[in-house]
Protein backbone atom coordinates (compact mmCIF):
# COMPACT_ATOMS: atom_id res chain seq x y z
CA MET A 1 37.67 -111.91 -27.19
CA ASP A 2 37.28 -108.71 -28.92
CA THR A 3 39.90 -108.18 -31.97
CA LYS A 4 40.74 -104.70 -30.74
CA ASP A 5 42.34 -106.56 -27.81
CA LEU A 6 44.80 -108.42 -30.04
CA LEU A 7 48.19 -106.87 -30.95
CA THR A 8 49.90 -107.38 -33.94
CA ILE A 9 53.66 -108.54 -33.98
CA GLY A 10 54.86 -104.98 -34.64
CA GLU A 11 52.83 -103.62 -31.72
CA VAL A 12 54.15 -106.24 -29.43
CA ALA A 13 57.73 -105.75 -30.43
CA HIS A 14 57.38 -101.94 -29.95
CA ARG A 15 55.87 -102.25 -26.52
CA SER A 16 57.97 -105.09 -25.33
CA GLY A 17 61.28 -103.96 -26.68
CA PHE A 18 61.77 -107.52 -28.17
CA PRO A 19 62.80 -107.73 -32.01
CA GLN A 20 60.16 -109.39 -34.08
CA SER A 21 62.62 -112.32 -34.67
CA ALA A 22 62.48 -112.88 -30.86
CA LEU A 23 58.84 -113.17 -30.73
CA ARG A 24 58.91 -115.67 -33.71
CA TYR A 25 61.57 -117.77 -31.92
CA TYR A 26 59.71 -117.82 -28.58
CA GLU A 27 56.56 -118.67 -30.31
CA ARG A 28 58.44 -121.73 -32.06
CA GLU A 29 59.80 -122.54 -28.68
CA GLY A 30 56.43 -122.76 -27.02
CA LEU A 31 56.87 -119.72 -24.73
CA LEU A 32 54.36 -117.57 -26.19
CA ARG A 33 50.90 -118.27 -28.05
CA THR A 34 49.47 -116.60 -30.95
CA THR A 35 46.22 -116.69 -33.00
CA ARG A 36 46.51 -116.24 -36.89
CA THR A 37 44.08 -113.91 -38.92
CA SER A 38 42.59 -115.46 -42.06
CA GLY A 39 45.74 -113.96 -44.01
CA GLY A 40 47.85 -115.89 -41.67
CA GLN A 41 48.98 -112.54 -39.74
CA ARG A 42 50.03 -113.50 -35.92
CA ARG A 43 47.65 -111.83 -33.41
CA TYR A 44 49.06 -111.74 -29.62
CA GLU A 45 46.79 -111.21 -26.65
CA ARG A 46 47.80 -108.25 -24.59
CA SER A 47 48.84 -110.38 -21.70
CA VAL A 48 51.90 -111.64 -23.81
CA LEU A 49 53.52 -108.32 -22.62
CA ARG A 50 53.76 -109.49 -19.08
CA ARG A 51 55.15 -113.10 -20.18
CA LEU A 52 57.80 -111.15 -22.15
CA ALA A 53 58.70 -109.03 -19.28
CA PHE A 54 58.94 -112.31 -17.27
CA ILE A 55 61.10 -113.70 -19.89
CA ARG A 56 63.25 -110.70 -20.20
CA ALA A 57 63.71 -110.42 -16.14
CA ALA A 58 64.65 -114.23 -16.20
CA ARG A 59 67.18 -114.20 -19.18
CA THR A 60 68.82 -111.13 -17.53
CA ILE A 61 69.54 -112.95 -14.19
CA GLY A 62 70.87 -115.77 -16.17
CA VAL A 63 67.98 -118.19 -16.25
CA GLY A 64 68.12 -120.45 -19.30
CA LEU A 65 65.19 -120.79 -21.62
CA ASP A 66 64.07 -124.36 -20.43
CA GLU A 67 63.72 -123.11 -16.83
CA VAL A 68 61.69 -120.08 -18.17
CA ARG A 69 59.72 -122.41 -19.99
CA GLU A 70 58.92 -124.48 -16.90
CA GLY A 71 57.82 -121.22 -14.93
CA LEU A 72 55.64 -120.30 -17.77
CA ASP A 73 54.12 -123.73 -18.10
CA GLN A 74 52.77 -123.01 -14.21
CA LEU A 75 50.59 -120.38 -15.67
CA PRO A 76 47.04 -121.13 -16.74
CA ASP A 77 46.17 -122.12 -20.25
CA GLY A 78 42.97 -120.28 -21.81
CA ARG A 79 43.04 -117.38 -19.89
CA THR A 80 45.07 -114.37 -18.60
CA PRO A 81 46.98 -115.17 -15.59
CA THR A 82 45.85 -113.56 -12.42
CA LYS A 83 47.90 -111.69 -9.60
CA ALA A 84 47.56 -115.13 -7.74
CA ASP A 85 48.99 -117.04 -10.64
CA TRP A 86 52.06 -114.69 -10.83
CA SER A 87 52.44 -114.96 -7.22
CA ARG A 88 52.65 -118.84 -6.95
CA LEU A 89 55.35 -118.59 -9.88
CA SER A 90 57.12 -116.02 -7.87
CA LYS A 91 57.26 -118.03 -4.84
CA SER A 92 58.96 -120.81 -6.77
CA TRP A 93 61.63 -118.60 -7.82
CA ARG A 94 62.27 -116.72 -4.59
CA GLY A 95 65.05 -119.21 -3.32
CA ARG A 96 66.81 -119.09 -6.73
CA LEU A 97 66.82 -115.07 -6.50
CA ASP A 98 67.78 -115.07 -2.88
CA GLU A 99 70.81 -117.31 -3.62
CA GLN A 100 71.80 -115.13 -6.74
CA ILE A 101 71.51 -111.95 -4.42
CA GLN A 102 73.70 -113.18 -1.81
CA ALA A 103 76.34 -114.33 -4.51
CA LEU A 104 76.14 -111.12 -6.10
CA VAL A 105 76.53 -109.37 -2.69
CA ALA A 106 79.61 -111.79 -2.08
CA LEU A 107 81.21 -110.74 -5.35
CA ARG A 108 80.78 -106.93 -4.82
CA ASP A 109 82.56 -107.13 -1.45
CA GLY A 110 85.09 -109.62 -2.52
CA LEU A 111 86.30 -108.72 -5.91
CA ASP A 112 89.13 -106.56 -4.74
CA SER A 113 90.37 -109.68 -2.76
CA CYS A 114 91.66 -112.98 -4.01
CA ILE A 115 89.19 -114.99 -5.81
CA GLY A 116 91.24 -117.93 -6.55
CA CYS A 117 91.42 -117.55 -10.31
CA GLY A 118 95.17 -118.38 -10.46
CA CYS A 119 96.69 -114.77 -11.44
CA LEU A 120 98.46 -114.24 -8.26
CA SER A 121 98.36 -110.69 -9.07
CA LEU A 122 96.94 -109.31 -5.33
CA GLN A 123 98.67 -109.09 -2.39
CA ARG A 124 96.13 -111.10 -0.73
CA CYS A 125 96.50 -114.05 -3.21
CA ARG A 126 99.54 -114.82 -1.24
CA LEU A 127 97.66 -115.20 1.88
CA TYR A 128 94.53 -116.90 0.46
CA ASN A 129 96.03 -118.86 -2.55
CA PRO A 130 99.66 -119.49 -1.92
CA GLU A 131 101.41 -120.87 -4.80
CA ASP A 132 98.02 -121.44 -6.53
CA ARG A 133 96.93 -124.17 -4.36
CA VAL A 134 93.19 -123.39 -4.93
CA SER A 135 94.02 -124.84 -8.68
CA GLU A 136 93.75 -128.29 -7.04
CA LEU A 137 90.03 -127.77 -6.20
CA GLY A 138 89.26 -127.22 -10.10
CA PRO A 139 89.26 -124.72 -12.76
CA GLY A 140 88.22 -121.04 -12.55
CA ALA A 141 87.85 -118.71 -9.64
CA ARG A 142 87.54 -121.11 -6.89
CA LEU A 143 87.08 -118.64 -4.11
CA LEU A 144 84.07 -117.10 -5.59
CA PRO A 145 80.55 -118.45 -4.50
CA PRO A 146 79.26 -121.42 -6.42
CA MET A 147 76.70 -119.65 -8.27
CA LEU A 148 79.45 -117.43 -9.64
CA ARG A 149 81.57 -120.14 -10.80
CA ARG A 150 79.11 -121.76 -13.20
CA THR A 151 80.59 -122.61 -16.84
CA PRO A 152 78.28 -122.14 -19.93
CA ALA A 153 78.33 -126.07 -20.04
CA ASP A 154 76.44 -125.74 -16.80
CA GLY A 155 73.53 -123.68 -18.40
CA VAL A 156 74.62 -120.14 -18.13
């Protein structure tokens, strides 16, 4: 590989929008690979920018780093991933994304209604959750779709 195709950590940070500290962290976590110069400076292949865009998109929709790592592990080592490689990864995530889209639509359409949180502040709460009976089902807003009820302990 021609060294002009390698980017410094500053160039990657500038182009990707990630701080340099995040790039070093993702490297330690095995999400990114670097080479080093004889002076020990990191150099990144340009294809790292696509990986970082994937990481940002996944994290934005609430995907944990372990799951991001599993996804990136599906990509080939030793070569820049092709469109087919990214397509395979995309297909494996399609179901999860569809589920999230459905949950977000349900949230959008139902947020002005009773969500079973126990506040009993809306007129509809008296119909859907009289005397907070939904609390018997467990903590949180029990009338929201399950995906929107996950807790930080569940990995979100």
